[in-house]
N, C-alpha and C. Protein backbone atom coordinates (compact mmCIF):
# COMPACT_ATOMS: atom_id res chain seq x y z
N MET A 1 33.96 -59.27 -20.78
CA MET A 1 33.42 -58.45 -21.84
C MET A 1 32.83 -57.10 -21.33
N ASN A 2 32.90 -56.10 -22.08
CA ASN A 2 32.57 -54.77 -21.58
C ASN A 2 31.06 -54.68 -21.75
N VAL A 3 30.43 -53.89 -20.76
CA VAL A 3 29.05 -53.68 -20.78
C VAL A 3 28.53 -53.03 -22.10
N PHE A 4 29.35 -52.12 -22.53
CA PHE A 4 28.99 -51.45 -23.98
C PHE A 4 28.74 -52.62 -24.95
N TRP A 5 29.62 -53.52 -25.11
CA TRP A 5 29.49 -54.56 -26.09
C TRP A 5 28.35 -55.50 -25.89
N LEU A 6 28.03 -55.55 -24.68
CA LEU A 6 26.83 -56.42 -24.27
C LEU A 6 25.65 -55.67 -24.70
N ARG A 7 25.51 -54.34 -24.41
CA ARG A 7 24.50 -53.57 -24.89
C ARG A 7 24.30 -53.46 -26.43
N VAL A 8 25.36 -53.67 -27.19
CA VAL A 8 25.23 -53.68 -28.58
C VAL A 8 24.77 -55.02 -28.98
N ILE A 9 25.01 -56.03 -28.33
CA ILE A 9 24.45 -57.27 -28.64
C ILE A 9 22.95 -57.39 -28.34
N ILE A 10 22.60 -56.65 -27.32
CA ILE A 10 21.14 -56.55 -26.96
C ILE A 10 20.44 -55.83 -28.01
N ALA A 11 21.02 -54.67 -28.46
CA ALA A 11 20.34 -53.91 -29.51
C ALA A 11 20.21 -54.83 -30.75
N ALA A 12 21.11 -55.55 -31.09
CA ALA A 12 21.09 -56.43 -32.36
C ALA A 12 19.98 -57.45 -32.03
N LEU A 13 19.83 -58.13 -30.83
CA LEU A 13 18.79 -59.05 -30.59
C LEU A 13 17.51 -58.37 -30.75
N LEU A 14 17.36 -57.17 -30.15
CA LEU A 14 16.06 -56.56 -30.35
C LEU A 14 15.73 -56.31 -31.78
N LEU A 15 16.63 -55.91 -32.67
CA LEU A 15 16.39 -55.66 -34.08
C LEU A 15 16.00 -57.06 -34.77
N ALA A 16 16.59 -58.08 -34.26
CA ALA A 16 16.30 -59.35 -34.77
C ALA A 16 14.93 -59.83 -34.47
N VAL A 17 14.43 -59.52 -33.28
CA VAL A 17 13.04 -59.86 -32.78
C VAL A 17 12.07 -59.05 -33.69
N VAL A 18 12.28 -57.78 -33.74
CA VAL A 18 11.43 -56.94 -34.67
C VAL A 18 11.42 -57.47 -36.05
N ALA A 19 12.54 -57.92 -36.61
CA ALA A 19 12.59 -58.35 -38.05
C ALA A 19 11.81 -59.55 -38.12
N VAL A 20 11.98 -60.55 -37.17
CA VAL A 20 11.30 -61.84 -37.31
C VAL A 20 9.77 -61.67 -37.08
N ALA A 21 9.35 -60.64 -36.28
CA ALA A 21 7.93 -60.39 -36.15
C ALA A 21 7.33 -59.59 -37.34
N ALA A 22 8.16 -58.79 -37.93
CA ALA A 22 7.61 -57.89 -38.92
C ALA A 22 7.67 -58.47 -40.41
N VAL A 23 8.56 -59.21 -40.75
CA VAL A 23 8.75 -59.80 -42.06
C VAL A 23 7.55 -60.45 -42.50
N PRO A 24 7.03 -61.44 -41.64
CA PRO A 24 5.85 -62.21 -42.22
C PRO A 24 4.56 -61.23 -42.49
N LEU A 25 4.44 -60.15 -41.76
CA LEU A 25 3.38 -59.32 -41.87
C LEU A 25 3.59 -58.61 -43.16
N LEU A 26 4.83 -58.10 -43.47
CA LEU A 26 5.09 -57.41 -44.71
C LEU A 26 4.90 -58.23 -45.91
N VAL A 27 5.21 -59.55 -45.89
CA VAL A 27 4.88 -60.47 -46.91
C VAL A 27 3.49 -60.55 -47.08
N LEU A 28 2.64 -60.73 -46.06
CA LEU A 28 1.26 -60.81 -46.24
C LEU A 28 0.61 -59.57 -46.80
N LEU A 29 1.07 -58.35 -46.45
CA LEU A 29 0.69 -57.19 -46.98
C LEU A 29 0.73 -57.16 -48.42
N ASP A 30 2.07 -57.53 -48.88
CA ASP A 30 2.54 -57.56 -50.25
C ASP A 30 1.54 -58.44 -51.09
N LEU A 31 1.37 -59.59 -50.45
CA LEU A 31 0.43 -60.64 -51.19
C LEU A 31 -1.03 -60.10 -51.25
N GLY A 32 -1.42 -59.51 -50.23
CA GLY A 32 -2.82 -59.02 -50.13
C GLY A 32 -2.93 -57.93 -51.16
N SER A 33 -2.07 -57.24 -51.38
CA SER A 33 -2.23 -55.95 -52.36
C SER A 33 -1.83 -56.50 -53.80
N GLY A 34 -1.75 -57.75 -54.08
CA GLY A 34 -1.54 -58.40 -55.33
C GLY A 34 -0.14 -58.48 -55.88
N GLY A 35 0.85 -58.37 -54.95
CA GLY A 35 2.19 -58.44 -55.03
C GLY A 35 2.73 -59.96 -55.13
N THR A 36 3.97 -60.21 -55.13
CA THR A 36 4.43 -61.66 -55.24
C THR A 36 4.98 -62.06 -53.84
N GLY A 37 4.74 -61.14 -52.77
CA GLY A 37 5.22 -61.71 -51.53
C GLY A 37 6.71 -61.61 -51.40
N TYR A 38 7.22 -60.57 -52.03
CA TYR A 38 8.74 -60.56 -52.13
C TYR A 38 9.38 -61.68 -52.65
N GLY A 39 8.83 -62.30 -53.63
CA GLY A 39 9.44 -63.37 -54.41
C GLY A 39 8.85 -64.76 -53.82
N LEU A 40 8.06 -64.77 -52.87
CA LEU A 40 7.48 -66.03 -52.27
C LEU A 40 6.56 -66.84 -53.41
N CYS A 41 5.75 -66.10 -53.98
CA CYS A 41 4.75 -66.41 -54.94
C CYS A 41 5.06 -65.69 -56.28
N GLY A 42 5.76 -66.28 -57.24
CA GLY A 42 6.22 -65.57 -58.46
C GLY A 42 5.15 -64.94 -59.18
N ASP A 43 3.94 -65.56 -59.40
CA ASP A 43 2.95 -64.98 -60.32
C ASP A 43 1.74 -64.40 -59.42
N GLY A 44 2.01 -64.38 -58.13
CA GLY A 44 0.80 -63.69 -57.36
C GLY A 44 0.11 -64.83 -56.42
N LEU A 45 -0.68 -64.46 -55.61
CA LEU A 45 -1.41 -65.37 -54.78
C LEU A 45 -2.19 -66.45 -55.33
N SER A 46 -2.85 -66.00 -56.46
CA SER A 46 -3.83 -66.99 -57.07
C SER A 46 -3.20 -68.23 -57.74
N SER A 47 -1.87 -68.08 -58.17
CA SER A 47 -1.23 -69.20 -58.86
C SER A 47 -0.05 -69.62 -57.96
N CYS A 48 -0.09 -69.41 -56.59
CA CYS A 48 0.87 -69.89 -55.67
C CYS A 48 0.54 -71.29 -55.23
N ALA A 49 1.49 -72.25 -55.45
CA ALA A 49 1.21 -73.56 -55.14
C ALA A 49 2.06 -74.02 -53.90
N THR A 50 1.30 -74.16 -52.74
CA THR A 50 2.10 -74.62 -51.50
C THR A 50 1.38 -75.78 -50.91
N ASP A 51 2.17 -76.51 -50.06
CA ASP A 51 1.60 -77.50 -49.34
C ASP A 51 0.58 -77.18 -48.40
N TYR A 52 -0.16 -78.09 -47.86
CA TYR A 52 -1.10 -77.87 -46.75
C TYR A 52 -0.48 -77.59 -45.55
N ALA A 53 0.60 -78.17 -45.26
CA ALA A 53 1.24 -78.00 -43.90
C ALA A 53 2.48 -76.92 -43.97
N SER A 54 2.57 -76.26 -45.19
CA SER A 54 3.73 -75.38 -45.15
C SER A 54 3.58 -74.12 -44.38
N GLY A 55 2.34 -73.71 -44.28
CA GLY A 55 2.01 -72.47 -43.36
C GLY A 55 2.25 -72.68 -41.89
N PRO A 56 1.59 -73.77 -41.37
CA PRO A 56 1.85 -73.89 -39.98
C PRO A 56 3.35 -74.40 -39.66
N ALA A 57 3.88 -75.12 -40.55
CA ALA A 57 5.25 -75.30 -40.32
C ALA A 57 6.10 -74.02 -40.19
N LEU A 58 5.82 -73.21 -41.14
CA LEU A 58 6.50 -71.76 -41.23
C LEU A 58 6.20 -71.04 -39.86
N ALA A 59 4.98 -71.07 -39.39
CA ALA A 59 4.44 -70.39 -38.21
C ALA A 59 5.32 -70.90 -37.00
N VAL A 60 5.35 -72.26 -36.98
CA VAL A 60 6.07 -72.91 -35.78
C VAL A 60 7.41 -72.55 -35.77
N GLY A 61 8.00 -72.54 -36.98
CA GLY A 61 9.47 -72.16 -36.98
C GLY A 61 9.77 -70.79 -36.71
N LEU A 62 8.90 -69.86 -37.03
CA LEU A 62 9.19 -68.55 -36.80
C LEU A 62 8.87 -68.13 -35.22
N ALA A 63 7.81 -68.96 -34.69
CA ALA A 63 7.53 -68.78 -33.27
C ALA A 63 8.68 -69.29 -32.37
N MET A 64 9.29 -70.38 -32.81
CA MET A 64 10.48 -70.99 -31.97
C MET A 64 11.72 -70.03 -32.12
N LEU A 65 11.94 -69.51 -33.46
CA LEU A 65 12.89 -68.53 -33.52
C LEU A 65 12.68 -67.30 -32.49
N LEU A 66 11.48 -66.84 -32.58
CA LEU A 66 11.11 -65.65 -31.78
C LEU A 66 11.32 -65.93 -30.33
N PHE A 67 10.87 -67.11 -29.86
CA PHE A 67 10.95 -67.47 -28.41
C PHE A 67 12.54 -67.63 -28.12
N GLY A 68 13.26 -68.28 -28.93
CA GLY A 68 14.70 -68.23 -28.69
C GLY A 68 15.35 -66.96 -28.61
N LEU A 69 15.11 -66.12 -29.56
CA LEU A 69 15.61 -64.63 -29.53
C LEU A 69 15.30 -63.99 -28.21
N VAL A 70 13.94 -64.12 -27.88
CA VAL A 70 13.67 -63.45 -26.54
C VAL A 70 14.32 -64.09 -25.31
N ALA A 71 14.35 -65.38 -25.35
CA ALA A 71 15.20 -66.02 -24.27
C ALA A 71 16.62 -65.57 -24.26
N THR A 72 17.26 -65.53 -25.28
CA THR A 72 18.67 -64.98 -25.34
C THR A 72 18.71 -63.65 -24.87
N LEU A 73 17.76 -62.76 -25.24
CA LEU A 73 17.68 -61.27 -24.98
C LEU A 73 17.57 -61.31 -23.35
N ARG A 74 16.69 -62.10 -22.76
CA ARG A 74 16.61 -61.98 -21.30
C ARG A 74 17.76 -62.43 -20.67
N VAL A 75 18.48 -63.42 -21.13
CA VAL A 75 19.83 -63.87 -20.43
C VAL A 75 20.89 -62.75 -20.50
N MET A 76 20.99 -62.14 -21.85
CA MET A 76 21.94 -61.05 -21.92
C MET A 76 21.49 -59.76 -21.00
N MET A 77 20.33 -59.45 -20.96
CA MET A 77 19.84 -58.39 -20.00
C MET A 77 20.33 -58.73 -18.55
N ARG A 78 20.21 -60.00 -18.21
CA ARG A 78 20.54 -60.43 -16.78
C ARG A 78 22.01 -60.19 -16.60
N ILE A 79 22.73 -60.68 -17.62
CA ILE A 79 24.16 -60.48 -17.49
C ILE A 79 24.64 -59.15 -17.31
N VAL A 80 24.08 -58.21 -18.20
CA VAL A 80 24.40 -56.82 -18.02
C VAL A 80 23.99 -56.26 -16.60
N ARG A 81 22.83 -56.65 -16.18
CA ARG A 81 22.35 -56.24 -14.90
C ARG A 81 23.32 -56.65 -13.76
N ARG A 82 23.69 -57.88 -13.91
CA ARG A 82 24.56 -58.44 -12.77
C ARG A 82 25.96 -57.75 -12.92
N MET A 83 26.49 -57.48 -14.11
CA MET A 83 27.81 -56.77 -14.08
C MET A 83 27.67 -55.35 -13.68
N GLU A 84 26.67 -54.69 -13.93
CA GLU A 84 26.37 -53.25 -13.38
C GLU A 84 26.36 -53.33 -12.00
N ARG A 85 25.56 -54.28 -11.22
CA ARG A 85 25.44 -54.38 -9.78
C ARG A 85 26.72 -54.75 -9.20
N ARG A 86 27.61 -55.53 -9.74
CA ARG A 86 28.99 -55.74 -9.19
C ARG A 86 29.78 -54.42 -9.36
N LYS A 87 29.65 -53.77 -10.40
CA LYS A 87 30.45 -52.48 -10.56
C LYS A 87 29.98 -51.55 -9.39
N GLU A 88 28.70 -51.39 -9.24
CA GLU A 88 28.15 -50.45 -8.08
C GLU A 88 28.75 -50.89 -6.83
N ILE A 89 28.60 -52.18 -6.52
CA ILE A 89 29.13 -52.61 -5.24
C ILE A 89 30.57 -52.35 -4.99
N ALA A 90 31.36 -52.65 -6.15
CA ALA A 90 32.83 -52.27 -5.97
C ALA A 90 33.04 -50.82 -5.82
N GLU A 91 32.29 -49.90 -6.51
CA GLU A 91 32.53 -48.54 -6.26
C GLU A 91 32.06 -48.09 -4.83
N ALA A 92 30.96 -48.66 -4.41
CA ALA A 92 30.63 -48.38 -3.02
C ALA A 92 31.56 -48.69 -2.00
N THR A 93 32.21 -49.85 -2.12
CA THR A 93 33.19 -50.47 -1.20
C THR A 93 34.36 -49.57 -1.29
N ARG A 94 34.81 -49.09 -2.56
CA ARG A 94 36.04 -48.14 -2.67
C ARG A 94 35.76 -46.84 -1.89
N ARG A 95 34.55 -46.35 -2.03
CA ARG A 95 34.19 -45.13 -1.49
C ARG A 95 34.16 -45.30 0.09
N LEU A 96 33.60 -46.38 0.62
CA LEU A 96 33.73 -46.57 2.04
C LEU A 96 35.18 -46.80 2.69
N SER A 97 36.00 -47.44 1.86
CA SER A 97 37.30 -47.60 2.36
C SER A 97 38.09 -46.45 2.23
N ALA A 98 37.81 -45.53 1.30
CA ALA A 98 38.42 -44.22 1.15
C ALA A 98 38.00 -43.18 2.29
N GLN A 99 36.77 -43.34 2.86
CA GLN A 99 36.33 -42.49 3.89
C GLN A 99 37.03 -42.70 5.26
N ARG A 100 37.62 -43.96 5.38
CA ARG A 100 38.25 -44.27 6.73
C ARG A 100 39.71 -43.79 6.79
C-alpha cells in the first residue's frame, strides 16, 4: 500500500476521533439550550424518558470506540513511519552504491 493512501486513512481516523468526541458535546449543548438533542429527546429535556443506566452505557460505548480509534491511529502511524524509514534506508544504500 502506498504511503499516500495510508495518510488518507490516518486523516479519516483523525476525523472520526474528533466526531466521536464532539457529537456528545453538541447534543448536550442543544439539549441545554432547549432543543431536542438532534432528535434524541423529541419534546425536549423535561419530557425525555431514559433509563438510569443508559447514560453510563453510552459513555462507556463512546469511550471504548474512542480508545479503539486512537489505537488504530497509532498502529497506522507506526506503519507509515516504518515504511518511510525503509524508503530512506533504500535511498541511502542506493546513493552509497552509486558513489563507488
